[in-house]
Amino acid sequence: MSVVVVTLNEEERLRSCLESVAWADELIVVDAESQDKSVQIAREFTDRVIVRPWPGFAAQKNFGLAEAGGDWILSLDADEQVSPELRDEITRVLAADGPHDGYRAPRRNIFWDQWIRHGGLWPDWQLRLFKRGRAWFGERAVHESVAVTGSVGRLEAPLIHRSYRDVSDFLARADRYSTLAAEEWVRRGTRVRASDLLLRPVGRFLSMYVLKGGCLDGRRGFLLATLYAYYVFIRSAKAWELKEKDRH
């Protein structure tokens, strides 16, 4: 099995990620010219460290898939870790060579050292394990997804996700990702109305905090619902702004 990890300035979280998959037959790290110690850390675990410019999420991950030589590929982000239970379950899948062509794992999102069990953030199924040559990442500016040719099964053990270090980290990523998402909306001709600036964020908050039980996660649940609503607001605002600029 090959593990493929893409990185960009991930020195704080990369070591934990790579330690969790040190048992893999092949480990490939594709780094987008990080300015921190990501490359040095990666080279402690593998000599398959490839440094290249950032072409976008999907393109970078597809490049990594093309470099992999294993019969099976596990695609990870640098802020994710394979739990010991998931490692054992993957080992059993590899020994049986299937029976499916791809597998989704339930992702356990950790925010401020707490597992978030509600708000639509659990089980957060992620398709990450698949046979080589049977999967690729769709071309999207952000929140790329995997397409698999063949059947897809489910694993039971969790993939650990330690995404946001703090509120500042969330806001920094929200600013970057919302710009990419807004640009994609404009390219696709997605309609953005003035009412979306209010209705979409409110809808996201109510969905996460009320309908999907985010209130059961206490203060963290409220904070996350508010932050995700903010992300939806600035994404819509940036898309509206871009469309206004195109008119003039």
Protein backbone atom coordinates (compact mmCIF):
# COMPACT_ATOMS: atom_id res chain seq x y z
CA MET A 1 0.00 0.00 0.00
CA SER A 2 1.13 3.53 -0.82
CA VAL A 3 0.24 6.52 1.36
CA VAL A 4 0.12 9.91 -0.37
CA VAL A 5 0.17 13.13 1.67
CA VAL A 6 0.13 16.66 0.22
CA THR A 7 1.64 19.45 2.31
CA LEU A 8 1.99 23.21 2.44
CA ASN A 9 3.49 24.69 5.60
CA GLU A 10 2.29 21.87 7.86
CA GLU A 11 5.26 21.47 10.22
CA GLU A 12 3.07 21.54 13.34
CA ARG A 13 0.87 18.61 12.31
CA LEU A 14 2.83 16.65 9.72
CA ARG A 15 4.90 14.53 12.10
CA SER A 16 1.84 13.04 13.82
CA CYS A 17 0.32 12.26 10.43
CA LEU A 18 3.41 10.46 9.12
CA GLU A 19 4.00 8.58 12.37
CA SER A 20 0.49 7.14 12.08
CA VAL A 21 1.27 5.58 8.67
CA ALA A 22 4.92 4.61 9.18
CA TRP A 23 3.83 0.98 8.69
CA ALA A 24 2.89 1.54 5.01
CA ASP A 25 4.93 -0.05 2.21
CA GLU A 26 5.44 3.29 0.47
CA LEU A 27 5.07 6.85 1.73
CA ILE A 28 4.94 9.76 -0.73
CA VAL A 29 4.84 13.40 0.35
CA VAL A 30 4.06 16.03 -2.29
CA ASP A 31 5.05 19.43 -0.92
CA ALA A 32 4.00 22.74 -2.46
CA GLU A 33 7.23 24.64 -1.75
CA SER A 34 6.62 25.04 1.98
CA GLN A 35 8.43 27.85 3.75
CA ASP A 36 8.59 26.02 7.08
CA LYS A 37 10.16 22.68 8.06
CA SER A 38 7.59 20.45 6.35
CA VAL A 39 10.08 19.05 3.83
CA GLN A 40 12.71 18.32 6.48
CA ILE A 41 10.16 16.50 8.63
CA ALA A 42 8.87 14.50 5.66
CA ARG A 43 12.40 13.36 4.79
CA GLU A 44 12.74 11.84 8.25
CA PHE A 45 10.09 9.32 7.20
CA THR A 46 10.64 8.79 3.46
CA ASP A 47 12.92 9.58 0.55
CA ARG A 48 9.85 10.00 -1.70
CA VAL A 49 9.45 13.73 -1.04
CA ILE A 50 8.50 15.68 -4.16
CA VAL A 51 8.57 19.48 -4.10
CA ARG A 52 6.58 21.23 -6.82
CA PRO A 53 4.49 24.41 -7.23
CA TRP A 54 0.89 24.38 -6.01
CA PRO A 55 -1.50 23.74 -8.95
CA GLY A 56 -4.64 23.35 -6.81
CA PHE A 57 -5.95 20.73 -4.39
CA ALA A 58 -7.24 18.17 -6.89
CA ALA A 59 -4.32 18.51 -9.31
CA GLN A 60 -1.74 18.14 -6.54
CA LYS A 61 -3.43 15.05 -5.13
CA ASN A 62 -3.84 13.48 -8.56
CA PHE A 63 -0.13 14.03 -9.18
CA GLY A 64 0.59 12.13 -5.97
CA LEU A 65 -1.68 9.27 -7.02
CA ALA A 66 0.20 8.97 -10.31
CA GLU A 67 3.49 8.65 -8.40
CA ALA A 68 2.24 5.82 -6.18
CA GLY A 69 3.35 2.27 -6.92
CA GLY A 70 1.27 0.27 -4.46
CA ASP A 71 -1.73 -1.83 -5.41
CA TRP A 72 -3.73 0.20 -2.90
CA ILE A 73 -3.49 3.93 -2.11
CA LEU A 74 -4.39 5.77 1.07
CA SER A 75 -4.74 9.52 0.50
CA LEU A 76 -4.34 11.72 3.58
CA ASP A 77 -4.21 15.38 4.47
CA ALA A 78 -1.39 16.51 6.73
CA ASP A 79 -3.81 17.27 9.58
CA GLU A 80 -5.17 13.71 9.63
CA GLN A 81 -3.97 10.61 11.47
CA VAL A 82 -4.75 6.93 11.02
CA SER A 83 -5.92 5.51 14.34
CA PRO A 84 -4.46 2.14 15.44
CA GLU A 85 -7.90 0.59 14.96
CA LEU A 86 -8.12 1.94 11.41
CA ARG A 87 -4.61 0.68 10.67
CA ASP A 88 -5.65 -2.83 11.71
CA GLU A 89 -8.84 -2.66 9.66
CA ILE A 90 -6.98 -1.45 6.57
CA THR A 91 -4.48 -4.28 7.01
CA ARG A 92 -7.33 -6.79 6.91
CA VAL A 93 -8.75 -5.19 3.75
CA LEU A 94 -5.36 -5.37 2.05
CA ALA A 95 -4.91 -9.01 3.04
CA ALA A 96 -8.27 -9.86 1.46
CA ASP A 97 -7.66 -7.52 -1.51
CA GLY A 98 -11.08 -5.97 -1.13
CA PRO A 99 -13.79 -6.95 -1.80
CA HIS A 100 -14.51 -3.32 -2.79
CA ASP A 101 -12.51 -0.98 -5.02
CA GLY A 102 -12.64 1.89 -2.54
CA TYR A 103 -13.45 2.47 1.12
CA ARG A 104 -14.83 5.34 3.15
CA ALA A 105 -13.72 5.85 6.74
CA PRO A 106 -15.61 7.81 9.42
CA ARG A 107 -13.60 10.93 10.19
CA ARG A 108 -13.48 12.02 13.82
CA ASN A 109 -13.13 15.80 13.88
CA ILE A 110 -11.23 17.17 16.87
CA PHE A 111 -11.68 20.83 17.71
CA TRP A 112 -9.95 22.40 20.74
CA ASP A 113 -9.03 18.92 22.00
CA GLN A 114 -12.62 17.65 21.92
CA TRP A 115 -14.27 15.17 19.59
CA ILE A 116 -17.20 16.94 17.94
CA ARG A 117 -20.00 14.36 17.75
CA HIS A 118 -22.82 16.51 16.37
CA GLY A 119 -23.54 19.37 14.01
CA GLY A 120 -23.08 17.14 10.97
CA LEU A 121 -19.39 16.61 11.78
CA TRP A 122 -19.68 12.95 12.74
CA PRO A 123 -19.24 10.47 11.18
CA ASP A 124 -18.08 12.74 8.30
CA TRP A 125 -17.42 9.88 5.86
CA GLN A 126 -14.28 10.31 3.75
CA LEU A 127 -13.30 8.17 0.75
CA ARG A 128 -9.54 7.77 1.20
CA LEU A 129 -8.58 4.14 0.52
CA PHE A 130 -8.82 2.76 -3.01
CA LYS A 131 -7.16 0.52 -5.57
CA ARG A 132 -4.52 2.16 -7.73
CA GLY A 133 -5.90 3.28 -11.07
CA ARG A 134 -9.52 3.15 -9.88
CA ALA A 135 -9.82 6.63 -8.35
CA TRP A 136 -9.07 10.29 -9.01
CA PHE A 137 -9.88 13.65 -7.47
CA GLY A 138 -12.46 15.80 -9.23
CA GLU A 139 -11.34 19.23 -10.39
CA ARG A 140 -12.68 21.64 -7.78
CA ALA A 141 -10.95 24.68 -6.35
CA VAL A 142 -11.59 23.57 -2.76
CA HIS A 143 -13.21 20.64 -0.91
CA GLU A 144 -12.15 18.24 -3.64
CA SER A 145 -13.78 14.80 -3.73
CA VAL A 146 -12.77 11.36 -4.97
CA ALA A 147 -14.45 9.46 -7.78
CA VAL A 148 -14.01 5.68 -7.81
CA THR A 149 -14.61 3.29 -10.68
CA GLY A 150 -16.20 0.27 -9.02
CA SER A 151 -17.84 -0.50 -5.70
CA VAL A 152 -17.26 1.46 -2.49
CA GLY A 153 -17.47 0.00 1.01
CA ARG A 154 -17.24 1.39 4.52
CA LEU A 155 -14.70 0.96 7.28
CA GLU A 156 -15.68 1.15 10.94
CA ALA A 157 -12.56 2.52 12.63
CA PRO A 158 -12.03 6.30 12.67
CA LEU A 159 -9.69 8.59 10.79
CA ILE A 160 -8.58 11.33 13.20
CA HIS A 161 -8.81 14.91 11.95
CA ARG A 162 -7.15 17.74 13.89
CA SER A 163 -7.99 20.55 11.54
CA TYR A 164 -8.13 23.94 13.27
CA ARG A 165 -5.66 24.85 15.98
CA ASP A 166 -7.71 27.82 17.18
CA VAL A 167 -10.14 30.49 16.02
CA SER A 168 -7.39 32.43 14.25
CA ASP A 169 -6.44 29.33 12.27
CA PHE A 170 -10.08 28.81 11.26
CA LEU A 171 -10.43 32.42 10.15
CA ALA A 172 -7.22 32.30 8.11
CA ARG A 173 -8.34 29.16 6.31
CA ALA A 174 -11.86 30.48 5.87
CA ASP A 175 -10.47 33.55 4.13
CA ARG A 176 -8.36 31.45 1.77
CA TYR A 177 -10.95 28.76 1.04
CA SER A 178 -13.83 31.21 0.61
CA THR A 179 -11.87 33.08 -2.05
CA LEU A 180 -11.29 29.86 -3.99
CA ALA A 181 -14.92 28.79 -3.61
CA ALA A 182 -16.24 32.21 -4.67
CA GLU A 183 -14.05 32.20 -7.78
CA GLU A 184 -15.35 28.74 -8.66
CA TRP A 185 -18.95 29.91 -8.20
CA VAL A 186 -18.34 32.74 -10.65
CA ARG A 187 -16.71 30.43 -13.20
CA ARG A 188 -19.69 28.09 -13.02
CA GLY A 189 -22.19 30.90 -13.25
CA THR A 190 -23.74 30.21 -9.84
CA ARG A 191 -26.33 32.86 -9.06
CA VAL A 192 -25.67 34.95 -5.95
CA ARG A 193 -28.51 37.14 -4.71
CA ALA A 194 -28.34 39.85 -2.08
CA SER A 195 -30.63 37.76 0.12
CA ASP A 196 -28.02 34.98 0.11
CA LEU A 197 -25.78 37.15 2.28
CA LEU A 198 -28.32 36.72 5.08
CA LEU A 199 -30.22 33.53 4.35
CA ARG A 200 -27.31 31.21 3.59
CA PRO A 201 -25.33 31.98 6.80
CA VAL A 202 -28.44 31.81 8.99
CA GLY A 203 -29.43 28.55 7.33
CA ARG A 204 -26.00 27.04 7.98
CA PHE A 205 -26.06 28.05 11.65
CA LEU A 206 -29.55 26.65 12.24
CA SER A 207 -28.71 23.46 10.38
CA MET A 208 -25.55 22.78 12.39
CA TYR A 209 -26.61 24.03 15.80
CA VAL A 210 -30.29 23.06 15.90
CA LEU A 211 -31.25 20.49 13.26
CA LYS A 212 -28.03 18.46 13.50
CA GLY A 213 -27.64 18.80 17.25
CA GLY A 214 -24.56 20.98 17.47
CA CYS A 215 -26.02 22.38 20.69
CA LEU A 216 -25.16 19.04 22.32
CA ASP A 217 -21.45 19.81 21.91
CA GLY A 218 -21.73 22.75 24.31
CA ARG A 219 -19.79 25.95 23.75
CA ARG A 220 -17.66 24.33 21.06
CA GLY A 221 -20.79 23.41 19.12
CA PHE A 222 -22.05 27.00 19.27
CA LEU A 223 -18.68 28.40 18.27
CA LEU A 224 -18.30 26.03 15.34
CA ALA A 225 -21.81 26.70 14.04
CA THR A 226 -21.08 30.43 14.22
CA LEU A 227 -17.72 30.08 12.47
CA TYR A 228 -19.15 27.94 9.69
CA ALA A 229 -21.96 30.47 9.22
CA TYR A 230 -19.31 33.18 8.94
CA TYR A 231 -17.51 31.15 6.27
CA VAL A 232 -20.75 30.83 4.28
CA PHE A 233 -21.27 34.60 4.57
CA ILE A 234 -17.84 35.63 3.28
CA ARG A 235 -18.01 33.04 0.49
CA SER A 236 -21.30 34.53 -0.72
CA ALA A 237 -20.03 38.08 -0.21
CA LYS A 238 -16.88 37.45 -2.23
CA ALA A 239 -18.84 35.79 -5.03
CA TRP A 240 -21.25 38.74 -5.12
CA GLU A 241 -18.31 41.17 -5.17
CA LEU A 242 -16.66 39.35 -8.09
CA LYS A 243 -19.89 39.40 -10.08
CA GLU A 244 -20.29 43.13 -9.42
CA LYS A 245 -16.75 43.78 -10.66
CA ASP A 246 -17.49 41.84 -13.86
CA ARG A 247 -20.41 44.16 -14.58
CA HIS A 248 -18.20 47.25 -14.59
